[in-house]
N, C-alpha and C. Protein backbone atom coordinates (compact mmCIF):
# COMPACT_ATOMS: atom_id res chain seq x y z
N MET A 1 89.15 63.16 80.57
CA MET A 1 88.65 63.82 79.40
C MET A 1 87.39 63.10 78.94
N ARG A 2 86.43 63.84 78.51
CA ARG A 2 85.20 63.25 78.00
C ARG A 2 85.05 63.63 76.54
N ASN A 3 84.60 62.70 75.77
CA ASN A 3 84.41 62.97 74.36
C ASN A 3 83.35 62.03 73.84
N HIS A 4 83.05 62.13 72.57
CA HIS A 4 82.09 61.23 71.96
C HIS A 4 82.61 60.84 70.59
N THR A 5 82.09 59.75 70.07
CA THR A 5 82.47 59.29 68.75
C THR A 5 81.24 58.80 68.01
N GLU A 6 81.23 58.98 66.71
CA GLU A 6 80.13 58.49 65.89
C GLU A 6 80.28 56.98 65.74
N THR A 7 79.19 56.25 65.96
CA THR A 7 79.24 54.79 65.84
C THR A 7 78.55 54.30 64.58
N GLY A 8 78.04 55.20 63.79
CA GLY A 8 77.31 54.82 62.58
C GLY A 8 75.83 54.88 62.83
N ALA A 9 75.07 54.95 61.78
CA ALA A 9 73.60 54.99 61.86
C ALA A 9 73.12 56.13 62.76
N GLY A 10 73.89 57.23 62.83
CA GLY A 10 73.47 58.38 63.61
C GLY A 10 73.58 58.21 65.11
N ARG A 11 74.18 57.12 65.56
CA ARG A 11 74.33 56.91 67.01
C ARG A 11 75.66 57.48 67.49
N VAL A 12 75.66 57.95 68.72
CA VAL A 12 76.86 58.52 69.32
C VAL A 12 77.17 57.75 70.59
N ALA A 13 78.43 57.37 70.76
CA ALA A 13 78.87 56.69 71.98
C ALA A 13 79.74 57.66 72.78
N LEU A 14 79.51 57.71 74.07
CA LEU A 14 80.36 58.53 74.93
C LEU A 14 81.65 57.78 75.19
N VAL A 15 82.74 58.51 75.18
CA VAL A 15 84.04 57.91 75.39
C VAL A 15 84.70 58.63 76.56
N GLY A 16 85.22 57.89 77.50
CA GLY A 16 85.92 58.49 78.63
C GLY A 16 87.38 58.08 78.60
N VAL A 17 88.25 58.97 79.02
CA VAL A 17 89.68 58.70 79.07
C VAL A 17 90.17 59.08 80.45
N LEU A 18 90.90 58.19 81.07
CA LEU A 18 91.53 58.49 82.36
C LEU A 18 93.01 58.68 82.09
N ALA A 19 93.52 59.85 82.43
CA ALA A 19 94.93 60.16 82.19
C ALA A 19 95.53 60.78 83.44
N ALA A 20 96.74 60.39 83.77
CA ALA A 20 97.46 60.99 84.89
C ALA A 20 98.40 62.04 84.31
N LEU A 21 98.04 63.30 84.49
CA LEU A 21 98.84 64.40 83.95
C LEU A 21 99.44 65.20 85.10
N HIS A 22 100.72 65.48 85.00
CA HIS A 22 101.38 66.29 86.01
C HIS A 22 101.57 67.72 85.51
N ASP A 23 101.30 67.94 84.23
CA ASP A 23 101.35 69.28 83.66
C ASP A 23 99.95 69.87 83.76
N LEU A 24 99.74 70.75 84.71
CA LEU A 24 98.41 71.29 84.96
C LEU A 24 97.90 72.14 83.81
N ASN A 25 98.80 72.76 83.04
CA ASN A 25 98.36 73.52 81.88
C ASN A 25 97.77 72.60 80.81
N LEU A 26 98.37 71.43 80.61
CA LEU A 26 97.80 70.45 79.68
C LEU A 26 96.45 69.95 80.17
N ALA A 27 96.38 69.68 81.45
CA ALA A 27 95.12 69.21 82.03
C ALA A 27 94.03 70.26 81.85
N ALA A 28 94.37 71.52 82.09
CA ALA A 28 93.39 72.60 81.93
C ALA A 28 92.94 72.74 80.49
N MET A 29 93.85 72.49 79.56
CA MET A 29 93.56 72.67 78.15
C MET A 29 92.68 71.54 77.58
N TYR A 30 92.90 70.31 78.02
CA TYR A 30 92.27 69.17 77.36
C TYR A 30 91.23 68.42 78.20
N CYS A 31 91.19 68.63 79.49
CA CYS A 31 90.28 67.86 80.34
C CYS A 31 89.01 68.65 80.66
N SER A 32 87.91 67.93 80.65
CA SER A 32 86.64 68.57 81.02
C SER A 32 86.31 68.32 82.49
N TYR A 33 87.00 67.36 83.11
CA TYR A 33 86.78 67.04 84.52
C TYR A 33 88.13 66.62 85.11
N ILE A 34 88.45 67.13 86.29
CA ILE A 34 89.76 66.91 86.90
C ILE A 34 89.61 66.43 88.34
N TYR A 35 90.48 65.50 88.70
CA TYR A 35 90.65 65.10 90.09
C TYR A 35 92.01 65.63 90.52
N LEU A 36 92.05 66.45 91.55
CA LEU A 36 93.31 66.98 92.08
C LEU A 36 93.65 66.17 93.31
N MET A 37 94.85 65.59 93.31
CA MET A 37 95.24 64.68 94.39
C MET A 37 96.44 65.22 95.16
N ASP A 38 96.49 64.85 96.43
CA ASP A 38 97.60 65.20 97.30
C ASP A 38 97.93 63.98 98.14
N HIS A 39 99.12 63.42 97.97
CA HIS A 39 99.55 62.23 98.70
C HIS A 39 98.54 61.08 98.57
N GLY A 40 98.05 60.86 97.36
CA GLY A 40 97.14 59.75 97.08
C GLY A 40 95.69 59.98 97.44
N GLU A 41 95.36 61.15 97.94
CA GLU A 41 93.98 61.46 98.32
C GLU A 41 93.40 62.52 97.38
N ILE A 42 92.15 62.34 96.97
CA ILE A 42 91.48 63.33 96.15
C ILE A 42 91.09 64.50 97.04
N VAL A 43 91.60 65.69 96.71
CA VAL A 43 91.30 66.88 97.52
C VAL A 43 90.35 67.84 96.82
N ALA A 44 90.20 67.68 95.51
CA ALA A 44 89.25 68.51 94.76
C ALA A 44 88.91 67.78 93.47
N GLN A 45 87.69 67.98 93.01
CA GLN A 45 87.29 67.39 91.74
C GLN A 45 86.22 68.25 91.10
N GLY A 46 86.22 68.25 89.78
CA GLY A 46 85.23 69.03 89.05
C GLY A 46 85.82 69.59 87.77
N GLU A 47 85.17 70.61 87.24
CA GLU A 47 85.65 71.27 86.03
C GLU A 47 86.94 72.02 86.33
N PRO A 48 87.83 72.13 85.34
CA PRO A 48 89.13 72.76 85.59
C PRO A 48 89.07 74.12 86.27
N ARG A 49 88.13 74.98 85.88
CA ARG A 49 88.05 76.32 86.49
C ARG A 49 87.71 76.26 87.98
N ALA A 50 87.00 75.23 88.40
CA ALA A 50 86.65 75.09 89.81
C ALA A 50 87.77 74.45 90.62
N VAL A 51 88.56 73.61 89.99
CA VAL A 51 89.59 72.83 90.70
C VAL A 51 90.95 73.50 90.67
N LEU A 52 91.34 74.00 89.51
CA LEU A 52 92.68 74.57 89.35
C LEU A 52 92.68 76.04 89.74
N THR A 53 92.56 76.26 91.02
CA THR A 53 92.58 77.63 91.56
C THR A 53 93.96 77.92 92.14
N GLU A 54 94.26 79.19 92.28
CA GLU A 54 95.54 79.57 92.88
C GLU A 54 95.68 78.98 94.27
N GLU A 55 94.59 78.98 95.03
CA GLU A 55 94.63 78.46 96.39
C GLU A 55 94.94 76.96 96.40
N ASN A 56 94.23 76.18 95.57
CA ASN A 56 94.46 74.73 95.53
C ASN A 56 95.87 74.39 95.07
N ILE A 57 96.31 75.01 94.00
CA ILE A 57 97.63 74.70 93.45
C ILE A 57 98.72 75.09 94.43
N SER A 58 98.64 76.28 95.00
CA SER A 58 99.66 76.73 95.96
C SER A 58 99.71 75.85 97.20
N ALA A 59 98.55 75.41 97.67
CA ALA A 59 98.52 74.57 98.87
C ALA A 59 99.12 73.19 98.61
N ILE A 60 98.82 72.60 97.48
CA ILE A 60 99.29 71.24 97.21
C ILE A 60 100.75 71.22 96.76
N TYR A 61 101.12 72.11 95.85
CA TYR A 61 102.47 72.09 95.31
C TYR A 61 103.44 72.99 96.06
N GLU A 62 102.92 73.76 97.01
CA GLU A 62 103.72 74.66 97.84
C GLU A 62 104.55 75.63 96.98
N VAL A 63 103.90 76.11 95.91
CA VAL A 63 104.53 77.07 95.00
C VAL A 63 103.48 78.14 94.68
N PRO A 64 103.82 79.40 94.84
CA PRO A 64 102.85 80.43 94.47
C PRO A 64 102.62 80.44 92.95
N CYS A 65 101.40 80.76 92.56
CA CYS A 65 101.08 80.76 91.14
C CYS A 65 99.98 81.78 90.85
N ARG A 66 99.78 82.02 89.58
CA ARG A 66 98.67 82.83 89.10
C ARG A 66 97.91 82.01 88.07
N VAL A 67 96.60 82.03 88.16
CA VAL A 67 95.75 81.33 87.21
C VAL A 67 94.94 82.38 86.46
N HIS A 68 95.02 82.35 85.16
CA HIS A 68 94.28 83.31 84.34
C HIS A 68 93.81 82.61 83.07
N THR A 69 93.01 83.30 82.29
CA THR A 69 92.48 82.75 81.05
C THR A 69 93.36 83.19 79.89
N ASP A 70 93.79 82.22 79.08
CA ASP A 70 94.56 82.52 77.88
C ASP A 70 93.65 83.28 76.92
N PRO A 71 94.02 84.50 76.52
CA PRO A 71 93.13 85.31 75.69
C PRO A 71 92.89 84.75 74.29
N GLU A 72 93.81 83.95 73.77
CA GLU A 72 93.65 83.41 72.42
C GLU A 72 92.84 82.12 72.41
N ARG A 73 93.07 81.24 73.39
CA ARG A 73 92.40 79.93 73.41
C ARG A 73 91.21 79.88 74.35
N GLY A 74 91.17 80.77 75.31
CA GLY A 74 90.09 80.75 76.28
C GLY A 74 90.25 79.69 77.35
N THR A 75 91.41 79.05 77.40
CA THR A 75 91.67 78.01 78.39
C THR A 75 92.41 78.61 79.59
N LEU A 76 92.40 77.89 80.69
CA LEU A 76 93.15 78.33 81.86
C LEU A 76 94.64 78.26 81.57
N GLN A 77 95.36 79.19 82.14
CA GLN A 77 96.82 79.20 82.03
C GLN A 77 97.37 79.39 83.44
N ILE A 78 98.26 78.52 83.83
CA ILE A 78 98.86 78.58 85.16
C ILE A 78 100.30 79.05 85.02
N THR A 79 100.64 80.10 85.74
CA THR A 79 102.00 80.61 85.75
C THR A 79 102.54 80.46 87.16
N TYR A 80 103.67 79.78 87.28
CA TYR A 80 104.30 79.56 88.59
C TYR A 80 105.24 80.71 88.89
N LEU A 81 105.16 81.24 90.10
CA LEU A 81 105.92 82.43 90.50
C LEU A 81 107.12 82.03 91.34
N VAL A 82 108.07 81.38 90.71
CA VAL A 82 109.30 80.97 91.43
C VAL A 82 110.52 81.51 90.74
């Protein structure tokens, strides 16, 4: 996740957070940049819309899914079809 904070005197500091999330819907909602890993290897990285695709998720987790945009929040929503 990337964010910024006011440091006073009109200055802004960039703040980075590294989080290991296994809930892809949370990752899609709060992260601006994602690393998708499979068995300890990075297989995709970038913005959530580029990384969290049906193809990537189905291949790594071996579960069919649908990825769509939440109409109220505008964030990605992943639905698992099991």
